[in-house]
């Protein structure tokens, strides 16, 4: 579980670098509404985790609901 958290954190840092390199308008233009919504939920949950408002377990549960099979 700690490896997953570490990898998610590393990926979030890479995404931050990427979005600084590409103008925000260009990134958003290529994203579909569904992916923007999912990404928004993920970033919101990650911010809660980074601020210490949620635990790693809670973060992973939210991620599993976002990416899990529909209806679960």
PDB file of N, CA and C in Angstrom:
ATOM      1  N   UNK A   1       0.828  -1.180   0.000  1.00  0.00           N
ATOM      2  CA  UNK A   1       0.000   0.000   0.000  1.00  0.00           C
ATOM      3  C   UNK A   1       0.878   1.252   0.000  1.00  0.00           C
ATOM      4  N   UNK A   2       1.968   1.240   0.762  1.00  0.00           N
ATOM      5  CA  UNK A   2       2.825   2.416   0.815  1.00  0.00           C
ATOM      6  C   UNK A   2       3.509   2.669  -0.519  1.00  0.00           C
ATOM      7  N   UNK A   3       3.802   1.605  -1.265  1.00  0.00           N
ATOM      8  CA  UNK A   3       4.386   1.769  -2.590  1.00  0.00           C
ATOM      9  C   UNK A   3       3.402   2.484  -3.503  1.00  0.00           C
ATOM     10  N   UNK A   4       2.131   2.121  -3.435  1.00  0.00           N
ATOM     11  CA  UNK A   4       1.110   2.763  -4.259  1.00  0.00           C
ATOM     12  C   UNK A   4       1.005   4.246  -3.921  1.00  0.00           C
ATOM     13  N   UNK A   5       0.996   4.574  -2.649  1.00  0.00           N
ATOM     14  CA  UNK A   5       0.927   5.979  -2.233  1.00  0.00           C
ATOM     15  C   UNK A   5       2.132   6.734  -2.763  1.00  0.00           C
ATOM     16  N   UNK A   6       3.299   6.136  -2.645  1.00  0.00           N
ATOM     17  CA  UNK A   6       4.520   6.770  -3.138  1.00  0.00           C
ATOM     18  C   UNK A   6       4.446   7.011  -4.641  1.00  0.00           C
ATOM     19  N   UNK A   7       3.966   6.016  -5.385  1.00  0.00           N
ATOM     20  CA  UNK A   7       3.855   6.163  -6.840  1.00  0.00           C
ATOM     21  C   UNK A   7       2.807   7.205  -7.223  1.00  0.00           C
ATOM     22  N   UNK A   8       1.696   7.228  -6.511  1.00  0.00           N
ATOM     23  CA  UNK A   8       0.673   8.242  -6.781  1.00  0.00           C
ATOM     24  C   UNK A   8       1.212   9.645  -6.512  1.00  0.00           C
ATOM     25  N   UNK A   9       1.963   9.786  -5.438  1.00  0.00           N
ATOM     26  CA  UNK A   9       2.543  11.089  -5.116  1.00  0.00           C
ATOM     27  C   UNK A   9       3.531  11.514  -6.193  1.00  0.00           C
ATOM     28  N   UNK A  10       4.367  10.601  -6.633  1.00  0.00           N
ATOM     29  CA  UNK A  10       5.346  10.907  -7.683  1.00  0.00           C
ATOM     30  C   UNK A  10       4.641  11.321  -8.980  1.00  0.00           C
ATOM     31  N   UNK A  11       3.592  10.595  -9.335  1.00  0.00           N
ATOM     32  CA  UNK A  11       2.841  10.935 -10.548  1.00  0.00           C
ATOM     33  C   UNK A  11       2.186  12.308 -10.418  1.00  0.00           C
ATOM     34  N   UNK A  12       1.681  12.626  -9.239  1.00  0.00           N
ATOM     35  CA  UNK A  12       1.056  13.940  -9.056  1.00  0.00           C
ATOM     36  C   UNK A  12       2.075  15.056  -9.233  1.00  0.00           C
ATOM     37  N   UNK A  13       3.315  14.826  -8.818  1.00  0.00           N
ATOM     38  CA  UNK A  13       4.357  15.827  -9.019  1.00  0.00           C
ATOM     39  C   UNK A  13       4.687  15.980 -10.497  1.00  0.00           C
ATOM     40  N   UNK A  14       4.720  14.873 -11.234  1.00  0.00           N
ATOM     41  CA  UNK A  14       4.997  14.938 -12.667  1.00  0.00           C
ATOM     42  C   UNK A  14       3.877  15.655 -13.407  1.00  0.00           C
ATOM     43  N   UNK A  15       2.650  15.414 -13.002  1.00  0.00           N
ATOM     44  CA  UNK A  15       1.518  16.091 -13.633  1.00  0.00           C
ATOM     45  C   UNK A  15       1.611  17.595 -13.391  1.00  0.00           C
ATOM     46  N   UNK A  16       2.008  17.977 -12.184  1.00  0.00           N
ATOM     47  CA  UNK A  16       2.153  19.402 -11.885  1.00  0.00           C
ATOM     48  C   UNK A  16       3.202  20.045 -12.789  1.00  0.00           C
ATOM     49  N   UNK A  17       4.317  19.368 -13.003  1.00  0.00           N
ATOM     50  CA  UNK A  17       5.361  19.883 -13.894  1.00  0.00           C
ATOM     51  C   UNK A  17       4.834  19.981 -15.314  1.00  0.00           C
ATOM     52  N   UNK A  18       4.136  18.959 -15.754  1.00  0.00           N
ATOM     53  CA  UNK A  18       3.603  18.929 -17.115  1.00  0.00           C
ATOM     54  C   UNK A  18       2.631  20.081 -17.349  1.00  0.00           C
ATOM     55  N   UNK A  19       1.748  20.317 -16.389  1.00  0.00           N
ATOM     56  CA  UNK A  19       0.761  21.375 -16.583  1.00  0.00           C
ATOM     57  C   UNK A  19       1.393  22.757 -16.561  1.00  0.00           C
ATOM     58  N   UNK A  20       2.523  22.914 -15.905  1.00  0.00           N
ATOM     59  CA  UNK A  20       3.221  24.200 -15.961  1.00  0.00           C
ATOM     60  C   UNK A  20       3.885  24.395 -17.314  1.00  0.00           C
ATOM     61  N   UNK A  21       4.307  23.304 -17.951  1.00  0.00           N
ATOM     62  CA  UNK A  21       4.999  23.398 -19.226  1.00  0.00           C
ATOM     63  C   UNK A  21       4.042  23.649 -20.386  1.00  0.00           C
ATOM     64  N   UNK A  22       2.838  23.182 -20.280  1.00  0.00           N
ATOM     65  CA  UNK A  22       1.853  23.328 -21.348  1.00  0.00           C
ATOM     66  C   UNK A  22       0.816  24.352 -20.897  1.00  0.00           C
ATOM     67  N   UNK A  23       0.501  25.317 -21.734  1.00  0.00           N
ATOM     68  CA  UNK A  23      -0.531  26.289 -21.341  1.00  0.00           C
ATOM     69  C   UNK A  23      -1.824  25.585 -20.935  1.00  0.00           C
ATOM     70  N   UNK A  24      -2.425  26.077 -19.880  1.00  0.00           N
ATOM     71  CA  UNK A  24      -3.596  25.418 -19.309  1.00  0.00           C
ATOM     72  C   UNK A  24      -4.722  25.253 -20.320  1.00  0.00           C
ATOM     73  N   UNK A  25      -4.925  26.226 -21.167  1.00  0.00           N
ATOM     74  CA  UNK A  25      -5.989  26.136 -22.165  1.00  0.00           C
ATOM     75  C   UNK A  25      -5.787  24.973 -23.110  1.00  0.00           C
ATOM     76  N   UNK A  26      -4.544  24.701 -23.490  1.00  0.00           N
ATOM     77  CA  UNK A  26      -4.268  23.592 -24.399  1.00  0.00           C
ATOM     78  C   UNK A  26      -4.547  22.248 -23.743  1.00  0.00           C
ATOM     79  N   UNK A  27      -4.208  22.117 -22.473  1.00  0.00           N
ATOM     80  CA  UNK A  27      -4.439  20.856 -21.767  1.00  0.00           C
ATOM     81  C   UNK A  27      -5.938  20.592 -21.658  1.00  0.00           C
ATOM     82  N   UNK A  28      -6.664  21.593 -21.252  1.00  0.00           N
ATOM     83  CA  UNK A  28      -8.111  21.413 -21.056  1.00  0.00           C
ATOM     84  C   UNK A  28      -8.839  21.156 -22.364  1.00  0.00           C
ATOM     85  N   UNK A  29      -8.361  21.707 -23.431  1.00  0.00           N
ATOM     86  CA  UNK A  29      -9.030  21.519 -24.714  1.00  0.00           C
ATOM     87  C   UNK A  29      -9.074  20.049 -25.099  1.00  0.00           C
ATOM     88  N   UNK A  30      -8.031  19.312 -24.752  1.00  0.00           N
ATOM     89  CA  UNK A  30      -7.932  17.909 -25.151  1.00  0.00           C
ATOM     90  C   UNK A  30      -8.613  16.949 -24.180  1.00  0.00           C
ATOM     91  N   UNK A  31      -9.007  17.463 -23.055  1.00  0.00           N
ATOM     92  CA  UNK A  31      -9.654  16.591 -22.077  1.00  0.00           C
ATOM     93  C   UNK A  31     -11.162  16.576 -22.298  1.00  0.00           C
ATOM     94  N   UNK A  32     -11.732  15.426 -22.229  1.00  0.00           N
ATOM     95  CA  UNK A  32     -13.192  15.318 -22.311  1.00  0.00           C
ATOM     96  C   UNK A  32     -13.786  15.634 -20.941  1.00  0.00           C
ATOM     97  N   UNK A  33     -15.043  15.958 -20.950  1.00  0.00           N
ATOM     98  CA  UNK A  33     -15.714  16.357 -19.714  1.00  0.00           C
ATOM     99  C   UNK A  33     -15.605  15.286 -18.633  1.00  0.00           C
ATOM    100  N   UNK A  34     -15.727  14.031 -19.003  1.00  0.00           N
ATOM    101  CA  UNK A  34     -15.654  12.945 -18.028  1.00  0.00           C
ATOM    102  C   UNK A  34     -14.302  12.911 -17.345  1.00  0.00           C
ATOM    103  N   UNK A  35     -13.255  13.037 -18.124  1.00  0.00           N
ATOM    104  CA  UNK A  35     -11.917  12.976 -17.555  1.00  0.00           C
ATOM    105  C   UNK A  35     -11.614  14.200 -16.708  1.00  0.00           C
ATOM    106  N   UNK A  36     -12.145  15.340 -17.078  1.00  0.00           N
ATOM    107  CA  UNK A  36     -11.960  16.539 -16.249  1.00  0.00           C
ATOM    108  C   UNK A  36     -12.635  16.338 -14.894  1.00  0.00           C
ATOM    109  N   UNK A  37     -13.829  15.745 -14.915  1.00  0.00           N
ATOM    110  CA  UNK A  37     -14.554  15.506 -13.665  1.00  0.00           C
ATOM    111  C   UNK A  37     -13.788  14.529 -12.777  1.00  0.00           C
ATOM    112  N   UNK A  38     -13.323  13.438 -13.373  1.00  0.00           N
ATOM    113  CA  UNK A  38     -12.569  12.440 -12.611  1.00  0.00           C
ATOM    114  C   UNK A  38     -11.293  13.047 -12.054  1.00  0.00           C
ATOM    115  N   UNK A  39     -10.575  13.778 -12.881  1.00  0.00           N
ATOM    116  CA  UNK A  39      -9.328  14.395 -12.441  1.00  0.00           C
ATOM    117  C   UNK A  39      -9.590  15.394 -11.315  1.00  0.00           C
ATOM    118  N   UNK A  40     -10.672  16.139 -11.428  1.00  0.00           N
ATOM    119  CA  UNK A  40     -11.026  17.087 -10.375  1.00  0.00           C
ATOM    120  C   UNK A  40     -11.289  16.392  -9.049  1.00  0.00           C
ATOM    121  N   UNK A  41     -12.011  15.275  -9.108  1.00  0.00           N
ATOM    122  CA  UNK A  41     -12.281  14.508  -7.887  1.00  0.00           C
ATOM    123  C   UNK A  41     -10.986  13.977  -7.282  1.00  0.00           C
ATOM    124  N   UNK A  42     -10.106  13.455  -8.152  1.00  0.00           N
ATOM    125  CA  UNK A  42      -8.838  12.914  -7.660  1.00  0.00           C
ATOM    126  C   UNK A  42      -7.983  13.992  -7.007  1.00  0.00           C
ATOM    127  N   UNK A  43      -7.865  15.140  -7.663  1.00  0.00           N
ATOM    128  CA  UNK A  43      -7.056  16.213  -7.097  1.00  0.00           C
ATOM    129  C   UNK A  43      -7.642  16.717  -5.783  1.00  0.00           C
ATOM    130  N   UNK A  44      -8.960  16.801  -5.703  1.00  0.00           N
ATOM    131  CA  UNK A  44      -9.595  17.247  -4.463  1.00  0.00           C
ATOM    132  C   UNK A  44      -9.297  16.274  -3.323  1.00  0.00           C
ATOM    133  N   UNK A  45      -9.405  14.983  -3.609  1.00  0.00           N
ATOM    134  CA  UNK A  45      -9.119  13.981  -2.580  1.00  0.00           C
ATOM    135  C   UNK A  45      -7.641  13.975  -2.209  1.00  0.00           C
ATOM    136  N   UNK A  46      -6.772  14.159  -3.200  1.00  0.00           N
ATOM    137  CA  UNK A  46      -5.333  14.188  -2.923  1.00  0.00           C
ATOM    138  C   UNK A  46      -4.996  15.385  -2.039  1.00  0.00           C
ATOM    139  N   UNK A  47      -5.617  16.524  -2.293  1.00  0.00           N
ATOM    140  CA  UNK A  47      -5.375  17.707  -1.474  1.00  0.00           C
ATOM    141  C   UNK A  47      -5.800  17.459  -0.029  1.00  0.00           C
ATOM    142  N   UNK A  48      -6.925  16.780   0.162  1.00  0.00           N
ATOM    143  CA  UNK A  48      -7.363  16.434   1.520  1.00  0.00           C
ATOM    144  C   UNK A  48      -6.335  15.536   2.196  1.00  0.00           C
ATOM    145  N   UNK A  49      -5.804  14.562   1.450  1.00  0.00           N
ATOM    146  CA  UNK A  49      -4.798  13.655   1.997  1.00  0.00           C
ATOM    147  C   UNK A  49      -3.519  14.423   2.333  1.00  0.00           C
ATOM    148  N   UNK A  50      -3.087  15.277   1.421  1.00  0.00           N
ATOM    149  CA  UNK A  50      -1.858  16.047   1.637  1.00  0.00           C
ATOM    150  C   UNK A  50      -1.987  16.987   2.833  1.00  0.00           C
ATOM    151  N   UNK A  51      -3.196  17.471   3.079  1.00  0.00           N
ATOM    152  CA  UNK A  51      -3.436  18.366   4.210  1.00  0.00           C
ATOM    153  C   UNK A  51      -3.644  17.606   5.518  1.00  0.00           C
ATOM    154  N   UNK A  52      -3.654  16.280   5.449  1.00  0.00           N
ATOM    155  CA  UNK A  52      -3.828  15.475   6.650  1.00  0.00           C
ATOM    156  C   UNK A  52      -5.278  15.314   7.074  1.00  0.00           C
ATOM    157  N   UNK A  53      -6.207  15.673   6.193  1.00  0.00           N
ATOM    158  CA  UNK A  53      -7.625  15.578   6.519  1.00  0.00           C
ATOM    159  C   UNK A  53      -8.168  14.163   6.343  1.00  0.00           C
ATOM    160  N   UNK A  54      -7.495  13.329   5.529  1.00  0.00           N
ATOM    161  CA  UNK A  54      -7.917  11.948   5.325  1.00  0.00           C
ATOM    162  C   UNK A  54      -6.710  11.032   5.453  1.00  0.00           C
ATOM    163  N   UNK A  55      -6.977   9.771   5.648  1.00  0.00           N
ATOM    164  CA  UNK A  55      -5.909   8.778   5.762  1.00  0.00           C
ATOM    165  C   UNK A  55      -5.618   8.169   4.393  1.00  0.00           C
ATOM    166  N   UNK A  56      -4.533   7.420   4.319  1.00  0.00           N
ATOM    167  CA  UNK A  56      -4.185   6.724   3.076  1.00  0.00           C
ATOM    168  C   UNK A  56      -5.281   5.729   2.710  1.00  0.00           C
ATOM    169  N   UNK A  57      -5.824   5.072   3.705  1.00  0.00           N
ATOM    170  CA  UNK A  57      -6.895   4.106   3.454  1.00  0.00           C
ATOM    171  C   UNK A  57      -8.111   4.793   2.846  1.00  0.00           C
ATOM    172  N   UNK A  58      -8.475   5.940   3.385  1.00  0.00           N
ATOM    173  CA  UNK A  58      -9.621   6.675   2.858  1.00  0.00           C
ATOM    174  C   UNK A  58      -9.362   7.136   1.425  1.00  0.00           C
ATOM    175  N   UNK A  59      -8.148   7.586   1.152  1.00  0.00           N
ATOM    176  CA  UNK A  59      -7.787   8.011  -0.204  1.00  0.00           C
ATOM    177  C   UNK A  59      -7.911   6.851  -1.178  1.00  0.00           C
ATOM    178  N   UNK A  60      -7.400   5.699  -0.795  1.00  0.00           N
ATOM    179  CA  UNK A  60      -7.471   4.533  -1.670  1.00  0.00           C
ATOM    180  C   UNK A  60      -8.911   4.064  -1.879  1.00  0.00           C
ATOM    181  N   UNK A  61      -9.735   4.172  -0.853  1.00  0.00           N
ATOM    182  CA  UNK A  61     -11.144   3.799  -1.007  1.00  0.00           C
ATOM    183  C   UNK A  61     -11.841   4.703  -2.017  1.00  0.00           C
ATOM    184  N   UNK A  62     -11.555   5.998  -1.955  1.00  0.00           N
ATOM    185  CA  UNK A  62     -12.144   6.929  -2.919  1.00  0.00           C
ATOM    186  C   UNK A  62     -11.651   6.607  -4.324  1.00  0.00           C
ATOM    187  N   UNK A  63     -10.355   6.333  -4.460  1.00  0.00           N
ATOM    188  CA  UNK A  63      -9.799   5.984  -5.774  1.00  0.00           C
ATOM    189  C   UNK A  63     -10.451   4.720  -6.323  1.00  0.00           C
ATOM    190  N   UNK A  64     -10.683   3.747  -5.456  1.00  0.00           N
ATOM    191  CA  UNK A  64     -11.307   2.509  -5.929  1.00  0.00           C
ATOM    192  C   UNK A  64     -12.744   2.754  -6.367  1.00  0.00           C
ATOM    193  N   UNK A  65     -13.436   3.681  -5.722  1.00  0.00           N
ATOM    194  CA  UNK A  65     -14.799   4.015  -6.139  1.00  0.00           C
ATOM    195  C   UNK A  65     -14.794   4.756  -7.472  1.00  0.00           C
ATOM    196  N   UNK A  66     -13.813   5.625  -7.665  1.00  0.00           N
ATOM    197  CA  UNK A  66     -13.729   6.387  -8.914  1.00  0.00           C
ATOM    198  C   UNK A  66     -13.402   5.470 -10.084  1.00  0.00           C
ATOM    199  N   UNK A  67     -12.438   4.581  -9.895  1.00  0.00           N
ATOM    200  CA  UNK A  67     -11.957   3.751 -10.995  1.00  0.00           C
ATOM    201  C   UNK A  67     -12.522   2.337 -10.999  1.00  0.00           C
ATOM    202  N   UNK A  68     -13.295   2.004  -9.978  1.00  0.00           N
ATOM    203  CA  UNK A  68     -13.848   0.658  -9.888  1.00  0.00           C
ATOM    204  C   UNK A  68     -14.994   0.448 -10.861  1.00  0.00           C
ATOM    205  N   UNK A  69     -15.527  -0.768 -10.855  1.00  0.00           N
ATOM    206  CA  UNK A  69     -16.654  -1.054 -11.744  1.00  0.00           C
ATOM    207  C   UNK A  69     -17.872  -0.209 -11.376  1.00  0.00           C
ATOM    208  N   UNK A  70     -18.670   0.168 -12.351  1.00  0.00           N
ATOM    209  CA  UNK A  70     -19.866   0.976 -12.076  1.00  0.00           C
ATOM    210  C   UNK A  70     -20.832   0.242 -11.150  1.00  0.00           C
ATOM    211  N   UNK A  71     -21.479   1.006 -10.293  1.00  0.00           N
ATOM    212  CA  UNK A  71     -22.479   0.426  -9.404  1.00  0.00           C
ATOM    213  C   UNK A  71     -21.922  -0.140  -8.119  1.00  0.00           C
ATOM    214  N   UNK A  72     -20.637   0.061  -7.838  1.00  0.00           N
ATOM    215  CA  UNK A  72     -20.046  -0.471  -6.601  1.00  0.00           C
ATOM    216  C   UNK A  72     -19.621   0.638  -5.705  1.00  0.00           C
TER     217      UNK A  72
END
